[in-house]
Amino acid sequence: PGWRHRAHPFSVSGLSPDAIRVTVKDLGDDTGRVSTIPVGTRVFVEGPYGAFTESRRRRSKVLLIAGGIGITPLR
């Protein structure tokens, strides 16, 4: 309750065939409540919306540098 039909732009930090890992920085709003969601709760996931994918790479070797919240997708 209270979460339905609200956008929460979290980054996916891990993906396997049967699970998605999401890393959330507690900024107040709803982010502090994420840890109270029971494991196995069904959620709606949409996206991705960025261009941070291997297909955008222009060279065979790359160096990725990130800091702050930008480090999440690099994990």
C-alpha atoms as a PDB file:
ATOM      1  CA  PRO A   1       0.000   0.000   0.000  1.00  0.00           C
ATOM      2  CA  GLY A   2       1.210   3.482  -0.877  1.00  0.00           C
ATOM      3  CA  TRP A   3       3.750   2.176  -3.374  1.00  0.00           C
ATOM      4  CA  ARG A   4       1.462   1.184  -6.198  1.00  0.00           C
ATOM      5  CA  HIS A   5       1.749   3.173  -9.400  1.00  0.00           C
ATOM      6  CA  ARG A   6       4.640   5.285  -8.151  1.00  0.00           C
ATOM      7  CA  ALA A   7       7.980   5.488  -9.913  1.00  0.00           C
ATOM      8  CA  HIS A   8      11.125   4.624  -7.957  1.00  0.00           C
ATOM      9  CA  PRO A   9      14.178   5.055 -10.184  1.00  0.00           C
ATOM     10  CA  PHE A  10      16.526   2.510  -8.627  1.00  0.00           C
ATOM     11  CA  SER A  11      19.499   1.009 -10.456  1.00  0.00           C
ATOM     12  CA  VAL A  12      19.854  -2.709 -11.073  1.00  0.00           C
ATOM     13  CA  SER A  13      23.166  -3.839  -9.574  1.00  0.00           C
ATOM     14  CA  GLY A  14      22.899  -7.565 -10.269  1.00  0.00           C
ATOM     15  CA  LEU A  15      20.914  -9.832 -12.537  1.00  0.00           C
ATOM     16  CA  SER A  16      20.504 -13.589 -12.755  1.00  0.00           C
ATOM     17  CA  PRO A  17      17.856 -15.798 -14.398  1.00  0.00           C
ATOM     18  CA  ASP A  18      15.745 -15.909 -11.228  1.00  0.00           C
ATOM     19  CA  ALA A  19      16.589 -12.696  -9.355  1.00  0.00           C
ATOM     20  CA  ILE A  20      17.275  -8.991  -9.665  1.00  0.00           C
ATOM     21  CA  ARG A  21      19.532  -7.220  -7.162  1.00  0.00           C
ATOM     22  CA  VAL A  22      18.787  -3.550  -6.590  1.00  0.00           C
ATOM     23  CA  THR A  23      21.078  -1.247  -4.634  1.00  0.00           C
ATOM     24  CA  VAL A  24      19.231   1.642  -3.023  1.00  0.00           C
ATOM     25  CA  LYS A  25      20.701   4.697  -1.326  1.00  0.00           C
ATOM     26  CA  ASP A  26      18.547   5.763   1.627  1.00  0.00           C
ATOM     27  CA  LEU A  27      17.649   9.357   0.815  1.00  0.00           C
ATOM     28  CA  GLY A  28      14.530   9.633   2.941  1.00  0.00           C
ATOM     29  CA  ASP A  29      11.437   9.589   0.704  1.00  0.00           C
ATOM     30  CA  ASP A  30      10.479   5.931   0.075  1.00  0.00           C
ATOM     31  CA  THR A  31      14.024   4.612  -0.098  1.00  0.00           C
ATOM     32  CA  GLY A  32      14.195   3.992   3.645  1.00  0.00           C
ATOM     33  CA  ARG A  33      11.230   1.607   3.392  1.00  0.00           C
ATOM     34  CA  VAL A  34      12.705  -0.687   0.732  1.00  0.00           C
ATOM     35  CA  SER A  35      14.290  -2.989   3.317  1.00  0.00           C
ATOM     36  CA  THR A  36      10.834  -3.688   4.799  1.00  0.00           C
ATOM     37  CA  ILE A  37       9.520  -5.272   1.589  1.00  0.00           C
ATOM     38  CA  PRO A  38       9.327  -9.048   2.123  1.00  0.00           C
ATOM     39  CA  VAL A  39      11.496 -11.272  -0.079  1.00  0.00           C
ATOM     40  CA  GLY A  40       9.364 -12.739  -2.845  1.00  0.00           C
ATOM     41  CA  THR A  41       7.068  -9.714  -3.175  1.00  0.00           C
ATOM     42  CA  ARG A  42       6.027  -9.255  -6.798  1.00  0.00           C
ATOM     43  CA  VAL A  43       7.071  -5.954  -8.306  1.00  0.00           C
ATOM     44  CA  PHE A  44       6.706  -4.281 -11.681  1.00  0.00           C
ATOM     45  CA  VAL A  45      10.005  -3.441 -13.364  1.00  0.00           C
ATOM     46  CA  GLU A  46      10.364  -1.349 -16.502  1.00  0.00           C
ATOM     47  CA  GLY A  47      13.262   0.080 -18.418  1.00  0.00           C
ATOM     48  CA  PRO A  48      16.145   0.361 -18.950  1.00  0.00           C
ATOM     49  CA  TYR A  49      16.177   4.005 -19.898  1.00  0.00           C
ATOM     50  CA  GLY A  50      19.899   4.677 -20.195  1.00  0.00           C
ATOM     51  CA  ALA A  51      22.462   3.939 -22.864  1.00  0.00           C
ATOM     52  CA  PHE A  52      24.971   2.275 -20.540  1.00  0.00           C
ATOM     53  CA  THR A  53      25.189  -0.962 -22.487  1.00  0.00           C
ATOM     54  CA  GLU A  54      27.857  -2.977 -24.266  1.00  0.00           C
ATOM     55  CA  SER A  55      26.295  -2.182 -27.639  1.00  0.00           C
ATOM     56  CA  ARG A  56      27.194   1.508 -27.153  1.00  0.00           C
ATOM     57  CA  ARG A  57      30.871   0.695 -26.685  1.00  0.00           C
ATOM     58  CA  ARG A  58      33.091   2.010 -29.495  1.00  0.00           C
ATOM     59  CA  ARG A  59      36.388   0.270 -28.580  1.00  0.00           C
ATOM     60  CA  SER A  60      37.423  -3.207 -27.492  1.00  0.00           C
ATOM     61  CA  LYS A  61      38.893  -1.957 -24.182  1.00  0.00           C
ATOM     62  CA  VAL A  62      37.366   0.648 -21.918  1.00  0.00           C
ATOM     63  CA  LEU A  63      38.116   2.199 -18.540  1.00  0.00           C
ATOM     64  CA  LEU A  64      35.068   2.980 -16.418  1.00  0.00           C
ATOM     65  CA  ILE A  65      35.364   5.507 -13.582  1.00  0.00           C
ATOM     66  CA  ALA A  66      32.447   6.322 -11.299  1.00  0.00           C
ATOM     67  CA  GLY A  67      31.757   7.869  -7.938  1.00  0.00           C
ATOM     68  CA  GLY A  68      28.780   8.540  -5.722  1.00  0.00           C
ATOM     69  CA  ILE A  69      25.470   7.072  -6.848  1.00  0.00           C
ATOM     70  CA  GLY A  70      26.953   6.582 -10.345  1.00  0.00           C
ATOM     71  CA  ILE A  71      28.904   3.598  -9.070  1.00  0.00           C
ATOM     72  CA  THR A  72      25.770   1.438  -8.787  1.00  0.00           C
ATOM     73  CA  PRO A  73      25.517   0.388 -12.438  1.00  0.00           C
ATOM     74  CA  LEU A  74      29.255  -0.330 -12.537  1.00  0.00           C
ATOM     75  CA  ARG A  75      28.994  -2.865  -9.720  1.00  0.00           C
END
